[in-house]
Protein backbone atom coordinates (compact mmCIF):
# COMPACT_ATOMS: atom_id res chain seq x y z
CA UNK A 1 3.10 92.26 -201.09
CA UNK A 2 -0.66 92.47 -200.69
CA UNK A 3 -1.22 89.66 -203.14
CA UNK A 4 1.21 87.43 -201.26
CA UNK A 5 -0.50 88.10 -197.95
CA UNK A 6 -3.85 87.43 -199.55
CA UNK A 7 -2.57 84.11 -201.22
CA UNK A 8 -1.30 82.99 -197.80
CA UNK A 9 -4.53 83.79 -196.16
CA UNK A 10 -6.53 81.83 -198.75
CA UNK A 11 -4.10 78.89 -198.43
CA UNK A 12 -4.41 79.05 -194.59
CA UNK A 13 -8.21 79.22 -194.90
CA UNK A 14 -8.41 76.18 -197.15
CA UNK A 15 -6.06 74.28 -194.90
CA UNK A 16 -8.36 75.11 -191.88
CA UNK A 17 -11.36 74.00 -193.83
CA UNK A 18 -9.84 70.71 -194.75
CA UNK A 19 -8.53 70.17 -191.20
CA UNK A 20 -12.22 70.78 -189.86
CA UNK A 21 -13.53 68.34 -192.41
CA UNK A 22 -10.94 65.68 -191.46
CA UNK A 23 -11.71 66.07 -187.77
CA UNK A 24 -15.41 65.75 -188.42
CA UNK A 25 -14.66 62.35 -190.05
CA UNK A 26 -12.26 61.32 -187.46
CA UNK A 27 -14.64 61.99 -184.45
CA UNK A 28 -17.68 60.57 -186.34
CA UNK A 29 -19.42 63.91 -186.91
CA UNK A 30 -19.29 63.92 -190.67
CA UNK A 31 -23.04 64.07 -190.89
CA UNK A 32 -22.73 67.74 -190.15
CA UNK A 33 -21.41 68.21 -193.63
CA UNK A 34 -24.75 67.05 -194.98
CA UNK A 35 -26.50 69.50 -192.60
CA UNK A 36 -24.46 72.33 -194.03
CA UNK A 37 -25.08 71.47 -197.60
CA UNK A 38 -28.97 70.99 -197.05
CA UNK A 39 -29.47 73.95 -194.74
CA UNK A 40 -26.81 76.69 -194.96
CA UNK A 41 -25.90 76.24 -198.61
CA UNK A 42 -29.57 76.60 -199.50
CA UNK A 43 -29.96 79.97 -197.69
CA UNK A 44 -31.60 78.67 -194.58
CA UNK A 45 -30.60 78.45 -190.97
CA UNK A 46 -32.59 75.45 -189.88
CA UNK A 47 -34.78 72.67 -191.23
CA UNK A 48 -37.51 74.01 -193.42
CA UNK A 49 -40.78 72.85 -195.04
CA UNK A 50 -39.51 71.96 -198.48
CA UNK A 51 -36.33 70.20 -197.45
CA UNK A 52 -37.56 66.74 -198.34
CA UNK A 53 -36.20 67.22 -201.91
CA UNK A 54 -32.67 67.10 -200.50
CA UNK A 55 -33.11 63.66 -198.88
CA UNK A 56 -33.66 60.17 -199.94
CA UNK A 57 -37.34 59.26 -199.62
CA UNK A 58 -39.77 56.34 -199.66
CA UNK A 59 -43.07 56.91 -201.43
CA UNK A 60 -46.21 56.38 -199.47
CA UNK A 61 -48.49 55.10 -202.21
CA UNK A 62 -52.08 56.06 -202.53
CA UNK A 63 -54.89 53.68 -203.67
CA UNK A 64 -56.69 53.42 -206.91
CA UNK A 65 -59.69 55.19 -205.53
CA UNK A 66 -59.48 58.57 -203.70
CA UNK A 67 -62.26 59.57 -201.25
CA UNK A 68 -62.73 63.38 -202.12
CA UNK A 69 -63.33 65.82 -199.36
CA UNK A 70 -66.87 67.08 -199.01
CA UNK A 71 -67.24 70.90 -199.23
CA UNK A 72 -69.40 72.41 -196.61
CA UNK A 73 -72.43 74.36 -198.08
CA UNK A 74 -70.88 77.58 -196.54
CA UNK A 75 -67.49 76.71 -198.02
CA UNK A 76 -65.22 79.77 -198.02
CA UNK A 77 -68.18 82.13 -197.49
CA UNK A 78 -66.58 83.65 -194.46
CA UNK A 79 -63.29 85.63 -194.59
CA UNK A 80 -60.47 85.15 -192.08
CA UNK A 81 -60.49 87.50 -189.07
CA UNK A 82 -57.97 90.43 -189.12
CA UNK A 83 -56.04 88.85 -186.23
CA UNK A 84 -55.81 85.46 -188.14
CA UNK A 85 -54.80 87.14 -191.33
CA UNK A 86 -51.98 89.17 -189.54
CA UNK A 87 -50.74 86.05 -187.63
CA UNK A 88 -50.74 83.96 -190.90
CA UNK A 89 -48.79 86.58 -192.68
CA UNK A 90 -46.37 87.18 -190.00
CA UNK A 91 -45.56 83.51 -189.42
CA UNK A 92 -45.63 82.50 -193.16
CA UNK A 93 -48.61 80.33 -193.09
CA UNK A 94 -48.90 78.50 -196.49
CA UNK A 95 -52.14 76.37 -195.71
CA UNK A 96 -55.01 77.05 -193.30
CA UNK A 97 -58.12 74.89 -193.10
CA UNK A 98 -61.25 74.58 -191.01
CA UNK A 99 -63.13 71.34 -191.27
CA UNK A 100 -66.66 71.42 -189.74
CA UNK A 101 -68.79 68.21 -189.47
CA UNK A 102 -66.31 66.42 -191.70
CA UNK A 103 -66.63 68.90 -194.59
CA UNK A 104 -64.12 71.63 -195.55
CA UNK A 105 -65.73 74.85 -194.26
CA UNK A 106 -62.70 77.21 -195.01
CA UNK A 107 -59.35 76.84 -196.70
CA UNK A 108 -56.73 79.27 -197.99
CA UNK A 109 -53.29 78.88 -199.38
CA UNK A 110 -50.41 81.38 -199.80
CA UNK A 111 -47.05 81.87 -201.40
CA UNK A 112 -47.90 79.79 -204.47
CA UNK A 113 -48.75 76.66 -202.36
CA UNK A 114 -52.05 74.89 -203.07
CA UNK A 115 -54.19 71.96 -201.94
CA UNK A 116 -51.81 69.68 -203.80
CA UNK A 117 -48.56 71.08 -202.45
CA UNK A 118 -46.30 68.78 -200.27
CA UNK A 119 -44.61 70.30 -197.19
CA UNK A 120 -42.67 68.65 -194.37
CA UNK A 121 -44.86 67.38 -191.47
CA UNK A 122 -41.97 67.48 -189.06
CA UNK A 123 -43.07 66.03 -185.66
CA UNK A 124 -46.75 65.61 -186.71
CA UNK A 125 -45.30 62.33 -187.93
CA UNK A 126 -45.03 61.20 -184.30
CA UNK A 127 -48.82 61.05 -184.14
CA UNK A 128 -49.06 58.99 -187.37
CA UNK A 129 -46.35 56.54 -185.94
CA UNK A 130 -48.45 56.09 -182.91
CA UNK A 131 -51.49 55.53 -185.13
CA UNK A 132 -49.47 52.82 -186.90
CA UNK A 133 -48.65 51.27 -183.49
CA UNK A 134 -52.49 51.08 -182.83
CA UNK A 135 -53.01 49.44 -186.17
CA UNK A 136 -50.13 46.95 -185.65
CA UNK A 137 -51.81 45.90 -182.34
CA UNK A 138 -55.09 45.68 -184.16
CA UNK A 139 -53.52 43.56 -186.84
CA UNK A 140 -51.90 41.25 -184.28
CA UNK A 141 -48.19 42.22 -185.05
CA UNK A 142 -47.84 43.76 -181.57
CA UNK A 143 -49.44 42.36 -178.54
CA UNK A 144 -50.27 45.46 -176.65
CA UNK A 145 -48.91 48.72 -175.33
CA UNK A 146 -47.32 46.73 -172.50
CA UNK A 147 -45.17 44.59 -174.83
CA UNK A 148 -41.43 45.01 -173.97
CA UNK A 149 -39.15 46.76 -176.29
CA UNK A 150 -36.63 43.94 -175.80
CA UNK A 151 -39.05 41.47 -177.47
CA UNK A 152 -37.99 43.22 -180.80
CA UNK A 153 -34.41 44.35 -180.00
CA UNK A 154 -32.41 42.28 -177.50
CA UNK A 155 -29.99 45.30 -177.10
CA UNK A 156 -32.60 46.59 -174.72
CA UNK A 157 -32.92 43.35 -172.54
CA UNK A 158 -30.75 44.31 -169.58
CA UNK A 159 -31.26 46.60 -166.49
CA UNK A 160 -33.74 49.48 -166.87
CA UNK A 161 -34.05 48.87 -170.53
CA UNK A 162 -35.73 45.49 -169.93
CA UNK A 163 -38.64 47.29 -168.28
CA UNK A 164 -39.27 49.69 -171.28
CA UNK A 165 -42.48 49.02 -173.27
CA UNK A 166 -43.72 50.06 -176.66
CA UNK A 167 -46.25 52.21 -174.77
CA UNK A 168 -43.48 53.93 -172.96
CA UNK A 169 -41.99 54.93 -176.39
CA UNK A 170 -45.32 56.34 -177.60
CA UNK A 171 -46.08 58.27 -174.38
CA UNK A 172 -42.59 59.78 -174.12
CA UNK A 173 -41.68 57.91 -170.99
CA UNK A 174 -38.93 55.50 -171.82
CA UNK A 175 -36.08 57.11 -169.82
CA UNK A 176 -33.94 57.09 -173.00
CA UNK A 177 -30.49 58.69 -172.98
CA UNK A 178 -31.38 61.49 -175.40
CA UNK A 179 -31.12 65.40 -175.26
CA UNK A 180 -33.74 67.11 -177.35
CA UNK A 181 -31.70 69.97 -178.86
CA UNK A 182 -32.44 71.53 -182.13
CA UNK A 183 -29.70 74.14 -182.62
CA UNK A 184 -26.54 72.27 -181.42
CA UNK A 185 -25.01 70.39 -184.51
CA UNK A 186 -23.27 67.99 -182.26
CA UNK A 187 -26.48 66.88 -180.58
CA UNK A 188 -28.18 63.47 -180.87
CA UNK A 189 -31.08 65.20 -182.50
CA UNK A 190 -28.93 66.63 -185.30
CA UNK A 191 -27.28 63.31 -185.75
CA UNK A 192 -30.61 61.59 -186.13
CA UNK A 193 -31.70 64.06 -188.79
CA UNK A 194 -28.52 63.80 -190.95
CA UNK A 195 -26.74 60.51 -189.98
CA UNK A 196 -26.80 57.88 -192.81
CA UNK A 197 -27.72 55.01 -190.56
CA UNK A 198 -30.17 55.86 -187.94
CA UNK A 199 -30.77 52.23 -186.86
CA UNK A 200 -27.18 51.93 -185.63
CA UNK A 201 -27.47 55.35 -183.79
CA UNK A 202 -30.62 54.26 -181.99
CA UNK A 203 -29.28 50.71 -181.00
CA UNK A 204 -26.24 52.30 -179.46
CA UNK A 205 -28.31 54.29 -176.92
CA UNK A 206 -29.19 53.33 -173.31
CA UNK A 207 -32.14 53.69 -171.04
CA UNK A 208 -30.86 55.77 -168.10
CA UNK A 209 -34.05 56.49 -166.22
CA UNK A 210 -36.86 54.37 -164.83
CA UNK A 211 -39.21 53.88 -167.77
CA UNK A 212 -42.97 54.49 -167.53
CA UNK A 213 -42.77 56.98 -164.73
CA UNK A 214 -42.88 60.46 -166.10
CA UNK A 215 -43.25 62.28 -169.36
CA UNK A 216 -40.16 63.69 -171.28
CA UNK A 217 -40.43 64.71 -174.88
CA UNK A 218 -37.68 62.83 -176.93
CA UNK A 219 -37.73 62.30 -180.58
CA UNK A 220 -35.62 59.16 -180.16
CA UNK A 221 -38.66 57.49 -178.50
CA UNK A 222 -40.59 57.72 -181.78
CA UNK A 223 -37.64 56.60 -183.83
CA UNK A 224 -37.39 53.43 -181.67
CA UNK A 225 -41.21 52.91 -181.95
CA UNK A 226 -40.93 53.18 -185.69
CA UNK A 227 -38.19 50.52 -185.72
CA UNK A 228 -40.40 48.26 -183.53
CA UNK A 229 -43.40 48.76 -186.10
CA UNK A 230 -41.03 47.94 -188.95
CA UNK A 231 -39.65 44.82 -187.36
CA UNK A 232 -43.01 43.60 -186.13
CA UNK A 233 -44.70 43.96 -189.43
CA UNK A 234 -41.76 43.03 -191.67
CA UNK A 235 -42.56 45.99 -193.79
CA UNK A 236 -41.14 49.43 -194.30
CA UNK A 237 -42.86 52.14 -192.41
CA UNK A 238 -43.89 53.66 -195.68
CA UNK A 239 -45.42 50.44 -197.04
CA UNK A 240 -47.27 49.90 -193.71
CA UNK A 241 -48.48 53.36 -193.73
CA UNK A 242 -49.78 53.05 -197.32
CA UNK A 243 -51.42 49.67 -196.68
CA UNK A 244 -53.03 50.60 -193.39
CA UNK A 245 -53.98 54.36 -193.85
CA UNK A 246 -53.15 56.08 -197.08
CA UNK A 247 -55.15 53.62 -199.37
CA UNK A 248 -58.10 52.88 -197.01
CA UNK A 249 -58.57 56.52 -196.10
CA UNK A 250 -58.64 57.44 -199.74
CA UNK A 251 -55.69 59.91 -199.74
CA UNK A 252 -55.62 62.02 -202.95
CA UNK A 253 -51.99 62.17 -203.28
CA UNK A 254 -48.82 60.03 -202.79
CA UNK A 255 -46.68 61.22 -200.02
CA UNK A 256 -42.96 60.96 -199.25
CA UNK A 257 -41.17 59.92 -196.00
CA UNK A 258 -37.57 60.99 -195.65
CA UNK A 259 -34.98 58.30 -195.11
CA UNK A 260 -31.59 58.43 -193.40
CA UNK A 261 -30.04 57.24 -196.59
CA UNK A 262 -30.79 55.20 -199.66
CA UNK A 263 -28.48 52.39 -198.39
CA UNK A 264 -30.07 52.03 -194.91
CA UNK A 265 -33.51 52.90 -196.13
CA UNK A 266 -34.94 53.77 -192.63
CA UNK A 267 -37.62 56.39 -192.37
CA UNK A 268 -37.07 59.21 -189.89
CA UNK A 269 -40.06 57.98 -187.78
CA UNK A 270 -39.94 61.00 -185.45
CA UNK A 271 -40.57 63.40 -188.38
CA UNK A 272 -40.58 64.20 -192.09
CA UNK A 273 -43.64 63.02 -194.03
CA UNK A 274 -44.15 65.30 -196.91
CA UNK A 275 -47.80 65.60 -197.74
CA UNK A 276 -50.51 68.15 -198.14
CA UNK A 277 -53.07 69.86 -195.84
CA UNK A 278 -56.04 68.00 -197.01
CA UNK A 279 -54.43 64.56 -196.55
CA UNK A 280 -52.92 65.48 -193.23
CA UNK A 281 -56.40 66.51 -192.17
CA UNK A 282 -57.73 63.05 -192.70
CA UNK A 283 -55.76 61.99 -189.59
CA UNK A 284 -57.41 64.64 -187.70
CA UNK A 285 -60.82 63.44 -188.68
CA UNK A 286 -59.77 59.80 -187.97
CA UNK A 287 -58.72 60.68 -184.31
CA UNK A 288 -61.76 62.87 -183.84
CA UNK A 289 -64.07 60.19 -184.97
CA UNK A 290 -62.46 57.67 -182.52
CA UNK A 291 -60.71 55.63 -185.28
CA UNK A 292 -63.39 55.62 -187.97
CA UNK A 293 -62.96 57.26 -191.42
CA UNK A 294 -65.58 57.41 -194.10
CA UNK A 295 -67.57 54.71 -192.23
CA UNK A 296 -64.56 52.32 -192.01
CA UNK A 297 -63.01 51.17 -188.64
CA UNK A 298 -59.32 52.00 -189.19
CA UNK A 299 -58.09 52.05 -185.45
CA UNK A 300 -59.68 50.53 -182.31
CA UNK A 301 -61.80 53.09 -180.55
CA UNK A 302 -60.20 52.16 -177.05
CA UNK A 303 -56.81 52.80 -178.51
CA UNK A 304 -57.82 56.25 -179.75
CA UNK A 305 -59.41 56.97 -176.41
CA UNK A 306 -56.24 56.18 -174.54
CA UNK A 307 -54.01 58.04 -176.96
CA UNK A 308 -56.03 61.25 -176.58
CA UNK A 309 -55.96 61.45 -172.78
CA UNK A 310 -52.96 62.40 -170.54
CA UNK A 311 -50.98 59.52 -169.06
CA UNK A 312 -49.01 61.43 -166.56
CA UNK A 313 -49.91 64.29 -164.21
CA UNK A 314 -46.72 66.08 -164.99
CA UNK A 315 -47.24 65.42 -168.71
CA UNK A 316 -50.87 66.56 -168.90
CA UNK A 317 -50.09 68.19 -172.25
CA UNK A 318 -49.33 64.82 -173.87
CA UNK A 319 -51.13 61.46 -174.38
CA UNK A 320 -49.76 58.74 -176.66
CA UNK A 321 -48.31 60.56 -179.75
CA UNK A 322 -50.62 63.47 -179.36
CA UNK A 323 -50.56 66.89 -177.82
CA UNK A 324 -53.31 67.84 -175.42
CA UNK A 325 -54.95 71.13 -174.45
CA UNK A 326 -57.98 72.43 -172.52
CA UNK A 327 -57.95 75.91 -174.25
CA UNK A 328 -61.36 77.54 -174.03
CA UNK A 329 -62.45 74.83 -171.69
CA UNK A 330 -62.58 72.36 -174.42
CA UNK A 331 -61.00 68.97 -174.77
CA UNK A 332 -58.43 69.41 -177.51
CA UNK A 333 -55.77 67.04 -179.00
CA UNK A 334 -53.39 67.92 -181.78
CA UNK A 335 -50.74 66.66 -184.11
CA UNK A 336 -47.87 69.23 -183.93
CA UNK A 337 -44.58 70.05 -185.85
CA UNK A 338 -41.63 72.12 -184.89
CA UNK A 339 -42.41 75.09 -187.34
CA UNK A 340 -46.13 75.37 -186.31
CA UNK A 341 -47.48 72.47 -188.28
CA UNK A 342 -50.82 71.67 -186.72
CA UNK A 343 -53.74 69.36 -186.99
CA UNK A 344 -56.00 70.40 -184.24
CA UNK A 345 -59.03 68.24 -183.14
CA UNK A 346 -61.91 69.48 -181.13
CA UNK A 347 -64.50 66.60 -180.90
CA UNK A 348 -67.20 68.39 -178.96
CA UNK A 349 -67.68 70.82 -181.75
CA UNK A 350 -66.86 68.47 -184.60
CA UNK A 351 -63.99 70.60 -185.68
CA UNK A 352 -60.53 70.03 -187.18
CA UNK A 353 -58.15 72.91 -187.83
CA UNK A 354 -55.08 72.57 -190.04
CA UNK A 355 -52.24 74.93 -190.25
CA UNK A 356 -48.89 74.53 -192.30
CA UNK A 357 -46.22 77.11 -192.59
CA UNK A 358 -42.65 78.41 -192.16
CA UNK A 359 -42.51 79.58 -188.53
CA UNK A 360 -44.32 79.53 -185.20
CA UNK A 361 -44.78 82.05 -182.47
CA UNK A 362 -43.26 82.29 -178.99
CA UNK A 363 -44.20 80.26 -175.91
CA UNK A 364 -46.16 82.24 -173.39
CA UNK A 365 -45.05 81.84 -169.95
CA UNK A 366 -46.16 78.47 -168.45
CA UNK A 367 -47.84 77.32 -171.61
CA UNK A 368 -47.35 74.12 -173.47
CA UNK A 369 -48.14 75.59 -177.00
CA UNK A 370 -46.86 78.80 -178.78
CA UNK A 371 -49.15 81.71 -178.95
CA UNK A 372 -50.23 81.04 -182.56
CA UNK A 373 -51.82 77.71 -181.63
CA UNK A 374 -54.36 79.52 -179.39
CA UNK A 375 -54.85 82.26 -182.05
CA UNK A 376 -55.78 79.69 -184.70
CA UNK A 377 -58.41 78.14 -182.38
CA UNK A 378 -59.82 81.35 -181.09
CA UNK A 379 -60.06 82.97 -184.51
CA UNK A 380 -61.67 79.78 -186.09
CA UNK A 381 -64.45 80.12 -183.53
CA UNK A 382 -64.93 83.81 -184.26
CA UNK A 383 -65.16 83.09 -187.95
CA UNK A 384 -67.79 80.41 -187.27
CA UNK A 385 -69.67 82.79 -184.98
CA UNK A 386 -69.56 85.54 -187.46
CA UNK A 387 -71.07 83.22 -190.07
CA UNK A 388 -74.06 82.34 -187.75
């Protein structure tokens, strides 16, 4: 009797699972199955820093000649403060760097990660895509920040959409019909992460608010911007990134950029470049030095200046592809990822701070950054002060 009941239960459960799978396909939510395989079946509950190996990727090729980082004469002579060590351990920091005067002053790795280890950038990629926009303008592929989106995609040539510019995409002010939700598997954000044809997803969206009027953080903006750069240059994002930044900036390792699928071959422009702390740090140095790296002009100075200033009063924490802060009464701009990935630039003190890891802290009331962001800055300054 018990065996019969158990058998009926198992059959019923299998039937329910098959029904759920069928419904996902019928209602065009079958991408969720990939999410289950990549996340839950690997023991995770959300995206994680090593998930790039479960996706198709394009390689971002490095050049023949690397530009090695200079090591500061006081390299690693100062230990992390107790507060920094506790924060790093609690939040699973795997890489932490302080770059002073364009030389590595301090670096530490954990959990078997090293200076050569790749991890997911998550939304730090948004800053890189904005840099690619600046480069495309510099190269003459795109006219200016004011060029209409419709010049590249006629799908956005009617109504409010016709007013949307590439600058609106970079500054998070397009008015796009997009809800930034990271835990709902039925959200547009989840679809963008797992759907096998992200171009079709994006071209099916609408502009529902007046563009260019106010800040609203939407990953879809950067995905559209990436599609603009791809179409304007006639090159994949990975190829253009390699040609314009990875090679001339002397990156020491190849990197990977997650694709929606092998068939579509579109990079997830809003996220997901797998690289290491030292190579990510080069972008911080590039922005800090107003578009110059190792003596070479990579980006226009005026573009970097615009990108690192707030565009809107209500969005004072964001410029063009970069997060902004005035913590400790300093002008700070940063690349930022969802799990506490940071490249923090403080030009007035010639500092770049890099942190990669598994988790971030909580948002203090009324703040634009989680508490760990402020800790990394404060403790870096204490370490430098202690060494004086």
